[in-house]
Amino acid sequence: MSESQIPSSPKHPLSNAAKYSLLFASWVFLSAISFYLGMNLIQTSGTALVLKDSPKTGNANPSVVEASTPSLGTPSEMETKENTESQTTQTVEESAELPNFVPDENVTFRSSAWSTDWTAMKKTVHLYNEIHPFIYTMKGGLSNNGELISSWSSTSKKERVQELRALNPKVKIIPTIFRWENPKEKIQENIGMGGRNDIRDHHIQVIVNEIMTYGYDGIDIDYEGMSCDKKEKFEEFFALLAREVHKKGKLISVAVHPKTPAEKSKKKELNCRGLSKPIVLDFRENWRGPTTHDYAFLAKHADRVKIMAYELHPRKYHNPGPGPQAPNVWLKEIITYAKKRVPTQKLYMAIPTYGYDWALNCKSSAKAIYHSDAQRIKAGAHKNRQPTDINRILNEENKVASWRNLSKFSDIHKNRAYEDPSLWYTSGGCDRVAFYMNRKAFEEKMTLLRKYDLGGFSFWQLVTDNDPEINVYLSKLVQGQLPAVEKAKEEEEPKEETTLPLSDSKESLKVSDSKSKIKTKKF
């Protein structure tokens, strides 16, 4: 029988039950497809919180959420350096070359840096004794459960630690946990506030687990802007954490706000609610950040005390106007205070790699300036000053009357010549001044720190757009090839008023979710 002769089977219409079953199966199939596509979209997104590891690897520490991009920010860099970020993204896969020298592990003055820039870390890790990948923050905002968020996935943490060590076998990798207190983010429960020692203890265990899981050399605690009522609880938390970290043979570092010594006649006590005893205000910076960081106590438990010595002239505030971020005259005062409370081998001064570009006679926000920005300004009409004697400049220029954003603060610059370079130029009909960092200024700051026998310095922060000439200096520093410097004499803390009166301090916030560093008074 041919195919054409085969009788066709009679067609029976589907029952209602069969129709519903088919419809349900189709819905399940389409949902599965949508879920699959959605997960792939999330994994390729640059903004969502994702688990990038393969299912076989998984998250080694389930108490740490992995974010595909840092939600942390930088002092002002991330807000103003979009071009640099895009360039970094394009070059992130470039391979780094091994250095032609081996850093000396026994140098007495050590080089370190915080960084969110993986490309910069990879290319310059051989220039640093210690690297602080700026990758952790606290999970939660107004309340906390002890857990962390990481901007590197579990796979990235493992691979990048291995890569950094391959490039510099002697580097110490000490990641940073950062949180700046603000109206939307608190530190409360993670340090045991409100009687939540259970959350504090969990927070400590999460941190120790991260150190051991990824083979870090330690952890860097950067809890900033805390109100004075947290002082004792923070100290209790830090001492407990340090004990657990040291049990594992690891290091613990702490970042602290800068303080300068108060005149003896002006020392006071601050009675802060919730504390068992008053806070002795033997420093000028009387605001919530510095009052909570007790140098002497933290130094007993920390292996590194890193003073965030920058933002003397914060861009977010009109007072005290244009100026350098970390001039030596200010660094000396910070060192004078700190050396009496922190053993010098533990004491590090953190200095900025950036500066700010200020408007002098128009309404315009200050903006961060890096090496490429300085080169761009230099390519046009400008006056380059180094050292920068602002009072001399004001006396020489004929436009001073219109420089209202600077002239009203001229008194604070009297009798001071800053090693920091400055560029005076005009843009868009507005006179401007840009203070920035170059090798010459950096060397002068390093010479000052070495004179005081400090343990080392830290950069905030290591980025690809730093002056490349600084790397030449760093290569000599980490190899112990710098000439010896004459040691500084011990300086007494001021007994009477020796500086100009201080204005009310202004809080130096970075972008809303950024690594805010200090709030301080002008000198």
Protein backbone atom coordinates (compact mmCIF):
# COMPACT_ATOMS: atom_id res chain seq x y z
CA MET A 1 0.00 0.00 0.00
CA SER A 2 1.36 3.34 -0.99
CA GLU A 3 1.60 6.26 1.41
CA SER A 4 -1.21 7.95 -0.47
CA GLN A 5 -3.43 5.02 0.25
CA ILE A 6 -2.84 4.96 4.03
CA PRO A 7 -6.01 6.17 5.66
CA SER A 8 -5.55 9.21 7.85
CA SER A 9 -6.32 8.96 11.56
CA PRO A 10 -9.40 10.79 12.68
CA LYS A 11 -8.65 14.13 14.43
CA HIS A 12 -10.00 14.51 17.96
CA PRO A 13 -10.27 18.02 19.50
CA LEU A 14 -8.21 18.60 22.69
CA SER A 15 -10.10 18.54 25.95
CA ASN A 16 -10.11 21.65 28.18
CA ALA A 17 -7.82 19.89 30.66
CA ALA A 18 -5.30 19.15 27.91
CA LYS A 19 -5.43 22.75 26.71
CA TYR A 20 -4.71 24.07 30.20
CA SER A 21 -1.87 21.56 30.63
CA LEU A 22 -0.31 22.68 27.35
CA LEU A 23 -0.72 26.35 28.27
CA PHE A 24 0.91 25.77 31.69
CA ALA A 25 3.83 23.88 30.14
CA SER A 26 4.37 26.70 27.67
CA TRP A 27 4.36 29.26 30.50
CA VAL A 28 6.94 27.23 32.47
CA PHE A 29 9.16 26.94 29.39
CA LEU A 30 9.01 30.66 28.62
CA SER A 31 9.65 31.53 32.28
CA ALA A 32 12.74 29.35 32.30
CA ILE A 33 14.03 31.02 29.15
CA SER A 34 13.36 34.49 30.63
CA PHE A 35 15.14 33.56 33.87
CA TYR A 36 18.16 32.24 31.96
CA LEU A 37 18.38 35.39 29.84
CA GLY A 38 17.87 37.59 32.89
CA MET A 39 20.69 35.94 34.83
CA ASN A 40 23.05 36.35 31.90
CA LEU A 41 22.07 40.00 31.61
CA ILE A 42 22.75 40.58 35.31
CA GLN A 43 26.15 38.90 35.11
CA THR A 44 27.19 41.18 32.28
CA SER A 45 25.80 44.30 33.91
CA GLY A 46 28.23 46.80 35.44
CA THR A 47 25.93 47.98 38.20
CA ALA A 48 24.16 45.02 39.79
CA LEU A 49 25.31 42.99 42.76
CA VAL A 50 26.29 39.63 41.26
CA LEU A 51 27.98 36.37 42.05
CA LYS A 52 30.43 36.07 39.21
CA ASP A 53 31.95 32.77 40.28
CA SER A 54 31.00 29.56 38.52
CA PRO A 55 28.58 27.30 40.45
CA LYS A 56 31.46 24.91 41.25
CA THR A 57 33.47 27.64 42.97
CA GLY A 58 30.73 29.51 44.79
CA ASN A 59 31.22 32.26 47.35
CA ALA A 60 33.82 31.14 49.84
CA ASN A 61 32.33 33.38 52.51
CA PRO A 62 28.53 33.67 52.22
CA SER A 63 28.59 36.62 54.64
CA VAL A 64 30.26 38.74 51.96
CA VAL A 65 28.16 40.01 49.05
CA GLU A 66 30.10 40.61 45.86
CA ALA A 67 29.50 43.79 43.90
CA SER A 68 30.56 44.03 40.27
CA THR A 69 31.63 47.65 40.65
CA PRO A 70 32.82 49.51 43.75
CA SER A 71 30.02 51.37 45.47
CA LEU A 72 32.66 53.00 47.62
CA GLY A 73 34.02 55.82 45.52
CA THR A 74 37.15 57.86 46.13
CA PRO A 75 37.94 61.27 47.63
CA SER A 76 36.69 63.18 44.64
CA GLU A 77 38.34 61.13 41.97
CA MET A 78 35.39 58.96 41.00
CA GLU A 79 33.16 61.99 40.74
CA THR A 80 35.50 63.90 38.46
CA LYS A 81 37.65 61.34 36.69
CA GLU A 82 35.18 59.63 34.36
CA ASN A 83 37.66 59.72 31.49
CA THR A 84 40.34 58.03 33.58
CA GLU A 85 37.88 55.34 34.61
CA SER A 86 36.93 54.56 31.03
CA GLN A 87 40.60 54.38 30.07
CA THR A 88 41.20 52.03 32.99
CA THR A 89 38.37 49.78 31.85
CA GLN A 90 39.87 49.55 28.38
CA THR A 91 43.30 48.57 29.69
CA VAL A 92 42.34 46.40 32.65
CA GLU A 93 43.38 43.21 30.88
CA GLU A 94 46.84 44.47 29.95
CA SER A 95 49.60 42.32 31.39
CA ALA A 96 52.07 43.84 33.81
CA GLU A 97 55.79 43.26 33.47
CA LEU A 98 57.97 41.99 36.27
CA PRO A 99 60.27 44.71 37.68
CA ASN A 100 64.00 44.54 37.08
CA PHE A 101 64.68 44.79 40.82
CA VAL A 102 63.50 43.18 44.03
CA PRO A 103 62.04 45.49 46.71
CA ASP A 104 63.98 45.45 49.97
CA GLU A 105 61.79 44.00 52.70
CA ASN A 106 64.01 45.53 55.40
CA VAL A 107 63.71 49.20 54.45
CA THR A 108 63.06 51.37 57.50
CA PHE A 109 60.64 53.67 55.67
CA ARG A 110 57.93 51.70 53.91
CA SER A 111 55.80 52.53 50.88
CA SER A 112 52.07 51.75 50.83
CA ALA A 113 48.91 52.81 49.04
CA TRP A 114 45.14 52.48 48.99
CA SER A 115 43.66 51.80 45.57
CA THR A 116 40.47 50.97 43.69
CA ASP A 117 42.38 50.93 40.38
CA TRP A 118 43.31 47.35 39.51
CA THR A 119 45.37 48.42 36.50
CA ALA A 120 47.45 50.79 38.65
CA MET A 121 47.93 48.16 41.34
CA LYS A 122 49.08 45.58 38.83
CA LYS A 123 51.52 47.90 37.05
CA THR A 124 53.13 49.43 40.14
CA VAL A 125 52.85 46.82 42.91
CA HIS A 126 56.64 46.36 42.77
CA LEU A 127 56.98 49.94 44.06
CA TYR A 128 55.09 49.24 47.29
CA ASN A 129 55.80 47.27 50.43
CA GLU A 130 52.08 47.19 51.20
CA ILE A 131 48.94 47.46 49.08
CA HIS A 132 45.45 48.19 50.42
CA PRO A 133 42.88 47.12 47.82
CA PHE A 134 39.94 49.38 48.62
CA ILE A 135 37.28 46.72 48.09
CA TYR A 136 35.14 46.22 51.22
CA THR A 137 32.33 48.11 52.87
CA MET A 138 29.57 47.18 55.31
CA LYS A 139 26.35 45.55 54.22
CA GLY A 140 23.40 47.60 55.40
CA GLY A 141 22.81 51.30 55.89
CA LEU A 142 21.16 52.57 59.07
CA SER A 143 21.51 49.13 60.67
CA ASN A 144 24.12 46.41 60.17
CA ASN A 145 24.25 42.65 60.50
CA GLY A 146 28.01 42.20 60.60
CA GLU A 147 28.35 41.21 56.96
CA LEU A 148 30.39 42.84 54.20
CA ILE A 149 30.13 43.83 50.56
CA SER A 150 33.10 43.28 48.26
CA SER A 151 33.71 44.98 44.91
CA TRP A 152 35.80 41.97 43.84
CA SER A 153 34.17 38.57 43.31
CA SER A 154 35.49 35.48 45.07
CA THR A 155 37.26 34.42 41.89
CA SER A 156 38.78 37.88 41.41
CA LYS A 157 40.05 38.00 44.97
CA LYS A 158 41.85 34.69 44.59
CA GLU A 159 43.28 35.44 41.17
CA ARG A 160 44.32 39.03 41.91
CA VAL A 161 46.06 38.17 45.16
CA GLN A 162 48.05 35.54 43.27
CA GLU A 163 48.86 37.97 40.47
CA LEU A 164 50.05 40.71 42.81
CA ARG A 165 52.29 38.25 44.64
CA ALA A 166 53.69 36.96 41.37
CA LEU A 167 54.66 40.53 40.47
CA ASN A 168 56.03 41.32 43.94
CA PRO A 169 56.49 38.23 46.16
CA LYS A 170 57.29 40.44 49.16
CA VAL A 171 54.28 42.76 49.01
CA LYS A 172 51.86 42.65 51.91
CA ILE A 173 48.24 42.64 50.71
CA ILE A 174 46.04 44.24 53.37
CA PRO A 175 42.57 45.10 52.01
CA THR A 176 40.52 47.95 53.46
CA ILE A 177 37.04 47.86 55.00
CA PHE A 178 35.58 51.35 54.68
CA ARG A 179 32.51 53.07 56.06
CA TRP A 180 31.94 56.78 56.50
CA GLU A 181 29.04 57.62 58.80
CA ASN A 182 26.41 59.80 57.17
CA PRO A 183 22.62 60.16 57.38
CA LYS A 184 22.13 57.01 55.28
CA GLU A 185 24.96 54.82 56.55
CA LYS A 186 25.91 53.92 60.13
CA ILE A 187 28.43 51.74 61.90
CA GLN A 188 26.27 51.06 64.98
CA GLU A 189 25.77 47.33 65.48
CA ASN A 190 29.01 46.24 63.83
CA ILE A 191 30.95 47.64 66.78
CA GLY A 192 28.42 46.45 69.39
CA MET A 193 26.32 49.59 69.85
CA GLY A 194 22.88 49.03 71.35
CA GLY A 195 24.08 45.95 73.19
CA ARG A 196 24.52 44.00 69.94
CA ASN A 197 27.70 42.18 70.84
CA ASP A 198 26.35 39.23 68.84
CA ILE A 199 26.51 41.28 65.62
CA ARG A 200 29.93 42.67 66.60
CA ASP A 201 31.30 39.18 67.15
CA HIS A 202 29.83 38.01 63.84
CA HIS A 203 31.42 41.02 62.12
CA ILE A 204 34.80 40.05 63.57
CA GLN A 205 34.40 36.45 62.43
CA VAL A 206 33.42 37.53 58.91
CA ILE A 207 36.56 39.69 58.69
CA VAL A 208 38.85 36.93 59.95
CA ASN A 209 37.25 34.44 57.53
CA GLU A 210 37.97 36.78 54.61
CA ILE A 211 41.61 37.15 55.63
CA MET A 212 42.14 33.42 55.89
CA THR A 213 40.06 32.42 52.86
CA TYR A 214 41.95 34.65 50.42
CA GLY A 215 45.38 34.58 52.02
CA TYR A 216 45.59 38.28 52.84
CA ASP A 217 48.42 39.49 55.06
CA GLY A 218 45.95 41.32 57.26
CA ILE A 219 43.11 43.83 57.24
CA ASP A 220 42.87 47.64 57.26
CA ILE A 221 40.03 49.18 59.29
CA ASP A 222 38.82 52.54 57.95
CA TYR A 223 35.74 53.46 60.02
CA GLU A 224 35.37 57.22 59.73
CA GLY A 225 33.23 60.11 60.87
CA MET A 226 31.92 58.30 63.95
CA SER A 227 30.18 60.32 66.64
CA CYS A 228 31.93 60.59 70.00
CA ASP A 229 29.50 58.21 71.74
CA LYS A 230 31.04 55.35 69.70
CA LYS A 231 34.59 55.87 71.00
CA GLU A 232 34.60 53.18 73.68
CA LYS A 233 32.64 50.63 71.65
CA PHE A 234 34.94 51.14 68.65
CA GLU A 235 37.96 50.61 70.88
CA GLU A 236 36.43 47.46 72.34
CA PHE A 237 35.66 46.15 68.85
CA PHE A 238 39.14 47.00 67.54
CA ALA A 239 40.92 45.33 70.47
CA LEU A 240 38.88 42.14 70.01
CA LEU A 241 39.44 42.12 66.25
CA ALA A 242 43.17 42.73 66.66
CA ARG A 243 43.41 39.80 69.07
CA GLU A 244 41.72 37.45 66.59
CA VAL A 245 43.77 38.73 63.65
CA HIS A 246 47.03 38.36 65.57
CA LYS A 247 46.06 34.81 66.60
CA LYS A 248 46.17 33.97 62.90
CA GLY A 249 49.60 35.56 62.53
CA LYS A 250 48.19 38.42 60.44
CA LEU A 251 48.52 42.23 60.56
CA ILE A 252 45.92 44.84 61.43
CA SER A 253 46.07 48.43 60.21
CA VAL A 254 43.83 51.34 61.16
CA ALA A 255 43.18 54.60 59.30
CA VAL A 256 42.62 57.60 61.58
CA HIS A 257 41.66 61.24 61.23
CA PRO A 258 44.47 63.82 61.53
CA LYS A 259 44.96 65.76 64.74
CA THR A 260 47.17 68.73 65.59
CA PRO A 261 48.15 69.63 69.16
CA ALA A 262 46.07 72.12 71.10
CA GLU A 263 47.74 74.82 73.14
CA LYS A 264 47.99 73.72 76.77
CA SER A 265 45.90 76.65 77.91
CA LYS A 266 43.12 75.56 75.56
CA LYS A 267 42.91 71.86 76.43
CA LYS A 268 39.41 70.83 77.43
CA GLU A 269 37.36 67.77 78.22
CA LEU A 270 34.38 66.65 76.18
CA ASN A 271 31.58 64.98 78.11
CA CYS A 272 29.96 62.72 75.55
CA ARG A 273 26.74 60.92 76.42
CA GLY A 274 27.18 57.18 76.81
CA LEU A 275 30.90 57.25 77.64
CA SER A 276 32.30 56.20 81.01
CA LYS A 277 34.72 59.14 81.10
CA PRO A 278 35.26 62.46 79.29
CA ILE A 279 37.39 62.73 76.14
CA VAL A 280 40.51 64.83 76.65
CA LEU A 281 40.63 67.40 73.85
CA ASP A 282 44.39 67.83 73.60
CA PHE A 283 43.97 68.41 69.87
CA ARG A 284 42.37 71.21 67.84
CA GLU A 285 40.01 69.21 65.64
CA ASN A 286 36.95 69.07 67.88
CA TRP A 287 34.42 67.22 65.75
CA ARG A 288 32.94 63.74 65.60
CA GLY A 289 35.69 62.00 63.61
CA PRO A 290 38.89 62.82 65.52
CA THR A 291 37.21 62.62 68.93
CA THR A 292 36.51 58.92 68.34
CA HIS A 293 40.02 57.95 67.19
CA ASP A 294 42.30 57.69 70.22
CA TYR A 295 45.81 57.34 68.81
CA ALA A 296 47.41 55.94 71.95
CA PHE A 297 44.77 53.26 72.49
CA LEU A 298 44.65 52.13 68.86
CA ALA A 299 48.45 52.03 68.65
CA LYS A 300 48.54 49.45 71.47
CA HIS A 301 46.62 46.99 69.30
CA ALA A 302 47.40 47.98 65.69
CA ASP A 303 50.47 47.10 63.66
CA ARG A 304 49.99 50.18 61.46
CA VAL A 305 48.40 53.54 62.36
CA LYS A 306 47.82 55.48 59.16
CA ILE A 307 46.94 59.15 59.59
CA MET A 308 44.83 60.49 56.74
CA ALA A 309 46.67 63.78 56.31
CA TYR A 310 44.82 65.48 53.48
CA GLU A 311 41.81 67.64 52.67
CA LEU A 312 43.16 70.62 54.60
CA HIS A 313 41.35 72.73 52.00
CA PRO A 314 38.29 70.61 51.18
CA ARG A 315 36.59 71.37 47.91
CA LYS A 316 33.09 70.85 49.30
CA TYR A 317 33.29 74.01 51.40
CA HIS A 318 34.02 77.67 50.72
CA ASN A 319 36.00 77.99 53.97
CA PRO A 320 39.04 78.08 53.98
CA GLY A 321 39.12 78.43 50.21
CA PRO A 322 41.89 77.53 47.76
CA GLY A 323 45.03 75.88 49.06
CA PRO A 324 47.15 72.71 49.14
CA GLN A 325 45.82 69.47 50.59
CA ALA A 326 48.79 68.39 52.70
CA PRO A 327 51.48 71.09 53.05
CA ASN A 328 54.56 70.28 55.12
CA VAL A 329 53.78 73.00 57.64
CA TRP A 330 50.60 71.08 58.53
CA LEU A 331 52.23 67.65 58.36
CA LYS A 332 54.77 68.77 60.96
CA GLU A 333 51.98 69.63 63.40
CA ILE A 334 50.30 66.27 62.85
CA ILE A 335 53.59 64.44 63.38
CA THR A 336 54.30 66.43 66.56
CA TYR A 337 51.00 65.28 68.04
CA ALA A 338 51.16 61.68 66.80
CA LYS A 339 54.75 60.84 67.74
CA LYS A 340 53.98 61.26 71.43
CA ARG A 341 51.17 58.71 71.18
CA VAL A 342 52.19 56.21 68.49
CA PRO A 343 55.49 54.27 68.26
CA THR A 344 57.27 55.64 65.21
CA GLN A 345 57.70 52.21 63.57
CA LYS A 346 53.90 51.87 63.51
CA LEU A 347 53.21 55.44 62.37
CA TYR A 348 52.42 56.12 58.71
CA MET A 349 51.40 59.43 57.16
CA ALA A 350 48.89 59.17 54.33
CA ILE A 351 49.21 61.89 51.72
CA PRO A 352 47.14 62.70 48.62
CA THR A 353 47.98 62.02 44.99
CA TYR A 354 45.46 64.62 43.89
CA GLY A 355 44.83 68.34 44.29
CA TYR A 356 41.97 70.72 43.56
CA ASP A 357 41.34 73.32 40.87
CA TRP A 358 39.59 76.41 42.29
CA ALA A 359 37.72 79.36 40.80
CA LEU A 360 39.05 82.69 42.05
CA ASN A 361 36.48 85.23 40.89
CA CYS A 362 33.36 83.35 39.80
CA LYS A 363 30.88 80.81 41.09
CA SER A 364 32.23 77.43 40.10
CA SER A 365 32.78 74.22 42.03
CA ALA A 366 36.32 73.12 42.76
CA LYS A 367 37.32 69.95 40.95
CA ALA A 368 39.95 67.27 41.46
CA ILE A 369 43.16 67.58 39.48
CA TYR A 370 45.66 64.87 38.53
CA HIS A 371 48.78 64.63 36.41
CA SER A 372 46.98 64.69 33.05
CA ASP A 373 44.89 67.69 34.15
CA ALA A 374 48.03 69.60 35.14
CA GLN A 375 49.62 68.79 31.77
CA ARG A 376 46.52 70.05 29.96
CA ILE A 377 46.58 73.35 31.88
CA LYS A 378 50.31 73.73 31.25
CA ALA A 379 49.68 73.43 27.52
CA GLY A 380 47.86 76.78 27.64
CA ALA A 381 48.59 80.21 29.08
CA HIS A 382 49.42 79.92 32.78
CA LYS A 383 51.81 80.88 35.57
CA ASN A 384 53.46 77.96 37.34
CA ARG A 385 54.47 78.55 40.97
CA GLN A 386 56.62 76.28 43.11
CA PRO A 387 57.06 76.90 45.90
CA THR A 388 53.71 78.64 46.22
CA ASP A 389 53.87 81.84 48.26
CA ILE A 390 50.25 82.98 48.06
CA ASN A 391 50.80 86.32 49.80
CA ARG A 392 53.57 87.21 47.36
CA ILE A 393 51.30 86.28 44.47
CA LEU A 394 48.52 88.46 45.84
CA ASN A 395 50.95 91.38 46.12
CA GLU A 396 52.23 90.93 42.57
CA GLU A 397 48.98 90.39 40.69
CA ASN A 398 46.75 93.25 39.61
CA LYS A 399 43.57 91.14 39.66
CA VAL A 400 43.53 90.53 43.39
CA ALA A 401 40.52 92.76 43.98
CA SER A 402 38.38 90.39 41.94
CA TRP A 403 39.78 87.18 43.48
CA ARG A 404 37.20 87.19 46.25
CA ASN A 405 37.30 83.39 46.69
CA LEU A 406 40.94 83.65 47.80
CA SER A 407 41.59 87.17 49.07
CA LYS A 408 39.12 86.87 51.97
CA PHE A 409 41.20 83.95 53.31
CA SER A 410 44.61 85.48 52.60
CA ASP A 411 45.50 85.80 56.30
CA ILE A 412 45.80 82.04 56.78
CA HIS A 413 48.58 81.94 54.16
CA LYS A 414 50.76 84.65 55.71
CA ASN A 415 54.44 83.80 56.07
CA ARG A 416 53.93 80.44 54.40
CA ALA A 417 55.49 79.16 51.19
CA TYR A 418 54.14 75.77 50.21
CA GLU A 419 56.21 73.11 48.50
CA ASP A 420 53.05 72.17 46.57
CA PRO A 421 53.01 73.50 43.00
CA SER A 422 50.20 75.68 41.69
CA LEU A 423 48.97 76.79 38.27
CA TRP A 424 47.33 80.21 37.87
CA TYR A 425 45.34 80.53 34.66
CA THR A 426 42.10 81.69 33.06
CA SER A 427 39.37 79.45 31.67
CA GLY A 428 35.95 80.45 30.35
CA GLY A 429 36.43 84.01 31.57
CA CYS A 430 37.16 82.81 35.10
CA ASP A 431 40.53 83.16 36.86
CA ARG A 432 41.54 79.87 38.47
CA VAL A 433 44.28 78.26 40.57
CA ALA A 434 45.09 74.56 40.64
CA PHE A 435 47.15 72.95 43.41
CA TYR A 436 48.48 69.54 42.42
CA MET A 437 51.06 66.87 43.24
CA ASN A 438 54.30 66.37 41.32
CA ARG A 439 57.55 64.56 42.02
CA LYS A 440 59.31 67.57 43.51
CA ALA A 441 56.55 68.18 46.08
CA PHE A 442 56.31 64.46 46.79
CA GLU A 443 60.04 64.19 47.44
CA GLU A 444 59.94 67.10 49.87
CA LYS A 445 57.10 65.48 51.78
CA MET A 446 58.93 62.14 51.89
CA THR A 447 62.13 63.81 53.10
CA LEU A 448 60.14 65.42 55.91
CA LEU A 449 58.57 62.11 56.98
CA ARG A 450 61.92 60.32 56.87
CA LYS A 451 63.47 62.99 59.10
CA TYR A 452 61.03 61.98 61.83
CA ASP A 453 61.82 58.24 61.53
CA LEU A 454 58.22 57.35 60.69
CA GLY A 455 57.34 53.80 59.66
CA GLY A 456 56.30 54.87 56.20
CA PHE A 457 53.72 56.63 54.06
CA SER A 458 50.47 55.75 52.33
CA PHE A 459 49.01 57.21 49.15
CA TRP A 460 45.36 58.13 48.82
CA GLN A 461 45.13 56.94 46.30
CA LEU A 462 47.12 54.91 43.79
CA VAL A 463 45.66 55.63 40.33
CA THR A 464 46.98 55.37 36.78
CA ASP A 465 46.97 59.17 36.46
CA ASN A 466 49.61 59.91 39.09
CA ASP A 467 52.81 61.72 38.04
CA PRO A 468 54.94 58.91 36.52
CA GLU A 469 58.10 60.61 37.81
CA ILE A 470 56.96 59.73 41.34
CA ASN A 471 57.44 56.07 40.41
CA VAL A 472 61.11 56.74 39.69
CA TYR A 473 61.51 58.05 43.22
CA LEU A 474 59.55 55.12 44.69
CA SER A 475 61.81 52.59 42.96
CA LYS A 476 64.76 54.05 44.87
CA LEU A 477 62.77 54.19 48.09
CA VAL A 478 61.77 50.51 48.13
CA GLN A 479 65.31 49.46 47.19
CA GLY A 480 66.80 51.46 50.06
CA GLN A 481 68.80 53.63 47.66
CA LEU A 482 67.83 57.07 48.93
CA PRO A 483 70.53 59.15 50.63
CA ALA A 484 70.27 59.49 54.40
CA VAL A 485 68.53 62.55 55.82
CA GLU A 486 69.34 64.59 58.90
CA LYS A 487 66.99 63.61 61.70
CA ALA A 488 64.59 66.21 63.01
CA LYS A 489 64.76 67.47 66.57
CA GLU A 490 61.91 66.59 68.88
CA GLU A 491 59.35 69.38 68.81
CA GLU A 492 57.32 70.38 71.83
CA GLU A 493 53.59 70.70 71.59
CA PRO A 494 52.61 74.39 71.68
CA LYS A 495 52.27 75.86 75.15
CA GLU A 496 50.54 79.03 73.99
CA GLU A 497 48.80 80.30 70.89
CA THR A 498 51.43 80.07 68.17
CA THR A 499 49.26 80.00 65.07
CA LEU A 500 46.45 82.06 63.66
CA PRO A 501 43.01 81.60 65.25
CA LEU A 502 41.13 78.58 63.98
CA SER A 503 37.80 78.85 62.25
CA ASP A 504 34.94 76.44 62.77
CA SER A 505 35.80 73.17 61.09
CA LYS A 506 33.95 72.02 58.02
CA GLU A 507 33.30 68.40 57.31
CA SER A 508 35.17 67.21 54.26
CA LEU A 509 32.76 64.85 52.55
CA LYS A 510 33.61 63.27 49.24
CA VAL A 511 30.84 61.99 47.00
CA SER A 512 27.91 60.59 48.97
CA ASP A 513 29.19 57.01 48.90
CA SER A 514 32.88 57.83 48.73
CA LYS A 515 35.91 57.35 50.91
CA SER A 516 35.70 60.55 52.93
CA LYS A 517 38.93 61.27 54.68
CA ILE A 518 38.97 64.15 57.11
CA LYS A 519 37.34 67.20 58.44
CA THR A 520 39.74 69.64 59.97
CA LYS A 521 40.43 73.23 60.91
CA LYS A 522 42.58 75.51 58.91
CA PHE A 523 45.99 76.25 60.35
